[in-house]
């Protein structure tokens, strides 16, 4: 069975916790991705910022994206997956936490991101359906 490092998108780029949400939006656009890991000045993962977070938590609440720091949107401890965790563990973690993207770490170092589409390509069709159902229910 493939492991996270086999199916992830490597070389994930972070947005700094002190960077503005406006900077994060530009970076999302430049990279053509829907989520960025938020890293602190200590290079530790603080959370994940999504395009939806920008819409709902910043623009939708009337906050100014140039004055809002990316780190302000990090909530609690980041949900991650280990680089050597297999597709079943990725599936279980995504379903348990109802997330569609996971930062992949090796020790404490961010090495990539694994998305629902990556897992879908790695799992047999029935499991993909189960994952989609788990993510789609409240």
C-alpha atoms as a PDB file:
ATOM      1  CA  UNK A   1       0.000   0.000   0.000  1.00  0.00           C
ATOM      2  CA  UNK A   2       1.366   3.462  -0.860  1.00  0.00           C
ATOM      3  CA  UNK A   3       2.431   5.811   1.918  1.00  0.00           C
ATOM      4  CA  UNK A   4       1.968   9.575   2.172  1.00  0.00           C
ATOM      5  CA  UNK A   5       5.371  10.429   0.685  1.00  0.00           C
ATOM      6  CA  UNK A   6       4.447   8.352  -2.406  1.00  0.00           C
ATOM      7  CA  UNK A   7       1.198  10.182  -3.125  1.00  0.00           C
ATOM      8  CA  UNK A   8       1.731  13.688  -1.704  1.00  0.00           C
ATOM      9  CA  UNK A   9       2.522  16.845  -3.580  1.00  0.00           C
ATOM     10  CA  UNK A  10       6.058  17.604  -2.482  1.00  0.00           C
ATOM     11  CA  UNK A  11       7.755  20.885  -1.764  1.00  0.00           C
ATOM     12  CA  UNK A  12       4.749  22.450  -0.049  1.00  0.00           C
ATOM     13  CA  UNK A  13       5.261  26.137   0.584  1.00  0.00           C
ATOM     14  CA  UNK A  14       4.241  27.751   3.851  1.00  0.00           C
ATOM     15  CA  UNK A  15       2.750  31.129   4.512  1.00  0.00           C
ATOM     16  CA  UNK A  16       4.304  32.748   7.561  1.00  0.00           C
ATOM     17  CA  UNK A  17       2.089  33.202  10.594  1.00  0.00           C
ATOM     18  CA  UNK A  18       2.999  36.914  10.562  1.00  0.00           C
ATOM     19  CA  UNK A  19       2.263  37.345   6.827  1.00  0.00           C
ATOM     20  CA  UNK A  20      -0.975  39.045   5.856  1.00  0.00           C
ATOM     21  CA  UNK A  21      -3.981  37.178   4.534  1.00  0.00           C
ATOM     22  CA  UNK A  22      -3.597  39.328   1.422  1.00  0.00           C
ATOM     23  CA  UNK A  23      -0.093  37.845   0.924  1.00  0.00           C
ATOM     24  CA  UNK A  24      -1.551  34.378   1.469  1.00  0.00           C
ATOM     25  CA  UNK A  25      -4.217  34.979  -1.201  1.00  0.00           C
ATOM     26  CA  UNK A  26      -1.532  36.043  -3.681  1.00  0.00           C
ATOM     27  CA  UNK A  27       0.522  32.954  -2.878  1.00  0.00           C
ATOM     28  CA  UNK A  28      -2.498  30.651  -3.269  1.00  0.00           C
ATOM     29  CA  UNK A  29      -3.111  32.220  -6.676  1.00  0.00           C
ATOM     30  CA  UNK A  30       0.533  32.010  -7.797  1.00  0.00           C
ATOM     31  CA  UNK A  31       0.809  28.355  -6.762  1.00  0.00           C
ATOM     32  CA  UNK A  32      -2.644  27.404  -8.057  1.00  0.00           C
ATOM     33  CA  UNK A  33      -3.579  25.678  -4.794  1.00  0.00           C
ATOM     34  CA  UNK A  34      -6.496  25.933  -2.381  1.00  0.00           C
ATOM     35  CA  UNK A  35      -4.580  25.642   0.891  1.00  0.00           C
ATOM     36  CA  UNK A  36      -1.282  26.670   2.437  1.00  0.00           C
ATOM     37  CA  UNK A  37       0.346  25.437   5.621  1.00  0.00           C
ATOM     38  CA  UNK A  38       0.886  28.232   8.160  1.00  0.00           C
ATOM     39  CA  UNK A  39       4.399  28.133   9.617  1.00  0.00           C
ATOM     40  CA  UNK A  40       5.669  30.094  12.588  1.00  0.00           C
ATOM     41  CA  UNK A  41       9.000  31.836  12.881  1.00  0.00           C
ATOM     42  CA  UNK A  42      10.236  28.620  14.547  1.00  0.00           C
ATOM     43  CA  UNK A  43       9.426  26.728  11.295  1.00  0.00           C
ATOM     44  CA  UNK A  44       6.800  24.675  13.123  1.00  0.00           C
ATOM     45  CA  UNK A  45       3.428  24.085  11.535  1.00  0.00           C
ATOM     46  CA  UNK A  46       0.724  26.260  13.120  1.00  0.00           C
ATOM     47  CA  UNK A  47      -2.219  25.286  10.931  1.00  0.00           C
ATOM     48  CA  UNK A  48      -3.561  25.361   7.392  1.00  0.00           C
ATOM     49  CA  UNK A  49      -5.092  28.352   5.645  1.00  0.00           C
ATOM     50  CA  UNK A  50      -7.616  27.658   2.885  1.00  0.00           C
ATOM     51  CA  UNK A  51      -9.167  29.871   0.248  1.00  0.00           C
ATOM     52  CA  UNK A  52     -12.482  29.276   2.041  1.00  0.00           C
ATOM     53  CA  UNK A  53     -10.978  30.591   5.314  1.00  0.00           C
ATOM     54  CA  UNK A  54     -10.143  33.854   3.550  1.00  0.00           C
ATOM     55  CA  UNK A  55     -13.695  34.215   2.253  1.00  0.00           C
ATOM     56  CA  UNK A  56     -15.569  33.175   5.395  1.00  0.00           C
ATOM     57  CA  UNK A  57     -13.313  34.283   8.253  1.00  0.00           C
ATOM     58  CA  UNK A  58     -11.886  37.461   6.764  1.00  0.00           C
ATOM     59  CA  UNK A  59     -13.917  38.950   3.910  1.00  0.00           C
ATOM     60  CA  UNK A  60     -17.262  37.616   5.142  1.00  0.00           C
ATOM     61  CA  UNK A  61     -16.672  39.149   8.573  1.00  0.00           C
ATOM     62  CA  UNK A  62     -15.547  42.512   7.210  1.00  0.00           C
ATOM     63  CA  UNK A  63     -11.924  42.077   8.296  1.00  0.00           C
ATOM     64  CA  UNK A  64      -9.203  43.701   6.231  1.00  0.00           C
ATOM     65  CA  UNK A  65      -6.989  41.092   4.486  1.00  0.00           C
ATOM     66  CA  UNK A  66      -3.898  43.311   4.619  1.00  0.00           C
ATOM     67  CA  UNK A  67      -4.269  43.823   8.355  1.00  0.00           C
ATOM     68  CA  UNK A  68      -5.205  40.250   9.270  1.00  0.00           C
ATOM     69  CA  UNK A  69      -2.285  37.890   9.867  1.00  0.00           C
ATOM     70  CA  UNK A  70      -2.411  34.352   8.505  1.00  0.00           C
ATOM     71  CA  UNK A  71      -1.579  32.992  11.952  1.00  0.00           C
ATOM     72  CA  UNK A  72      -4.785  34.507  13.356  1.00  0.00           C
ATOM     73  CA  UNK A  73      -6.727  31.955  11.292  1.00  0.00           C
ATOM     74  CA  UNK A  74      -4.863  28.903  12.642  1.00  0.00           C
ATOM     75  CA  UNK A  75      -7.170  27.046  15.007  1.00  0.00           C
ATOM     76  CA  UNK A  76      -5.818  24.639  17.593  1.00  0.00           C
ATOM     77  CA  UNK A  77      -3.218  22.041  16.764  1.00  0.00           C
ATOM     78  CA  UNK A  78      -2.729  21.304  13.078  1.00  0.00           C
ATOM     79  CA  UNK A  79      -3.958  17.920  11.867  1.00  0.00           C
ATOM     80  CA  UNK A  80      -1.067  16.229  10.039  1.00  0.00           C
ATOM     81  CA  UNK A  81      -0.021  12.891   8.642  1.00  0.00           C
ATOM     82  CA  UNK A  82       3.415  11.282   8.835  1.00  0.00           C
ATOM     83  CA  UNK A  83       5.370  10.799   5.626  1.00  0.00           C
ATOM     84  CA  UNK A  84       5.453   7.027   6.161  1.00  0.00           C
ATOM     85  CA  UNK A  85       1.772   6.617   7.115  1.00  0.00           C
ATOM     86  CA  UNK A  86      -0.126   4.476   4.640  1.00  0.00           C
ATOM     87  CA  UNK A  87      -3.174   5.390   2.569  1.00  0.00           C
ATOM     88  CA  UNK A  88      -5.510   3.712   5.095  1.00  0.00           C
ATOM     89  CA  UNK A  89      -4.177   5.980   7.861  1.00  0.00           C
ATOM     90  CA  UNK A  90      -4.539   9.037   5.627  1.00  0.00           C
ATOM     91  CA  UNK A  91      -8.114   7.961   4.871  1.00  0.00           C
ATOM     92  CA  UNK A  92      -8.898   7.485   8.570  1.00  0.00           C
ATOM     93  CA  UNK A  93      -7.355  10.833   9.569  1.00  0.00           C
ATOM     94  CA  UNK A  94      -9.217  12.742   6.860  1.00  0.00           C
ATOM     95  CA  UNK A  95     -12.506  11.082   7.789  1.00  0.00           C
ATOM     96  CA  UNK A  96     -12.017  11.531  11.557  1.00  0.00           C
ATOM     97  CA  UNK A  97     -11.151  15.234  11.271  1.00  0.00           C
ATOM     98  CA  UNK A  98     -13.364  15.949   8.225  1.00  0.00           C
ATOM     99  CA  UNK A  99     -10.524  17.543   6.261  1.00  0.00           C
ATOM    100  CA  UNK A 100      -9.707  17.276   2.574  1.00  0.00           C
ATOM    101  CA  UNK A 101      -6.027  18.231   2.788  1.00  0.00           C
ATOM    102  CA  UNK A 102      -3.305  17.208   5.219  1.00  0.00           C
ATOM    103  CA  UNK A 103       0.201  18.537   5.692  1.00  0.00           C
ATOM    104  CA  UNK A 104       2.722  15.702   5.499  1.00  0.00           C
ATOM    105  CA  UNK A 105       5.507  15.848   8.061  1.00  0.00           C
ATOM    106  CA  UNK A 106       8.727  13.937   8.497  1.00  0.00           C
ATOM    107  CA  UNK A 107       9.664  14.400  12.132  1.00  0.00           C
ATOM    108  CA  UNK A 108       8.716  18.058  12.633  1.00  0.00           C
ATOM    109  CA  UNK A 109       9.574  19.128   9.080  1.00  0.00           C
ATOM    110  CA  UNK A 110       6.883  19.840   6.498  1.00  0.00           C
ATOM    111  CA  UNK A 111       7.639  17.777   3.378  1.00  0.00           C
ATOM    112  CA  UNK A 112       4.408  18.058   1.369  1.00  0.00           C
ATOM    113  CA  UNK A 113       0.640  18.100   1.254  1.00  0.00           C
ATOM    114  CA  UNK A 114      -1.724  15.233   0.536  1.00  0.00           C
ATOM    115  CA  UNK A 115      -5.164  16.078  -0.821  1.00  0.00           C
ATOM    116  CA  UNK A 116      -8.346  14.087  -1.182  1.00  0.00           C
ATOM    117  CA  UNK A 117      -7.601  13.669  -4.909  1.00  0.00           C
ATOM    118  CA  UNK A 118      -4.204  12.118  -4.082  1.00  0.00           C
ATOM    119  CA  UNK A 119      -5.826   9.611  -1.736  1.00  0.00           C
ATOM    120  CA  UNK A 120      -8.585   8.872  -4.266  1.00  0.00           C
ATOM    121  CA  UNK A 121      -5.976   7.839  -6.824  1.00  0.00           C
ATOM    122  CA  UNK A 122      -4.253   5.576  -4.281  1.00  0.00           C
ATOM    123  CA  UNK A 123      -7.257   3.785  -2.764  1.00  0.00           C
ATOM    124  CA  UNK A 124      -9.628   1.225  -4.280  1.00  0.00           C
ATOM    125  CA  UNK A 125     -12.906   2.767  -5.509  1.00  0.00           C
ATOM    126  CA  UNK A 126     -15.116   1.507  -2.612  1.00  0.00           C
ATOM    127  CA  UNK A 127     -12.850   3.170  -0.033  1.00  0.00           C
ATOM    128  CA  UNK A 128     -12.890   6.440  -1.961  1.00  0.00           C
ATOM    129  CA  UNK A 129     -16.682   6.426  -1.804  1.00  0.00           C
ATOM    130  CA  UNK A 130     -16.543   5.793   1.954  1.00  0.00           C
ATOM    131  CA  UNK A 131     -14.129   8.719   2.408  1.00  0.00           C
ATOM    132  CA  UNK A 132     -16.283  11.084   0.367  1.00  0.00           C
ATOM    133  CA  UNK A 133     -19.323  10.061   2.390  1.00  0.00           C
ATOM    134  CA  UNK A 134     -17.463  10.584   5.688  1.00  0.00           C
ATOM    135  CA  UNK A 135     -16.317  14.044   4.609  1.00  0.00           C
ATOM    136  CA  UNK A 136     -19.741  15.038   3.343  1.00  0.00           C
ATOM    137  CA  UNK A 137     -21.737  14.253   6.495  1.00  0.00           C
ATOM    138  CA  UNK A 138     -21.882  16.409   9.618  1.00  0.00           C
END
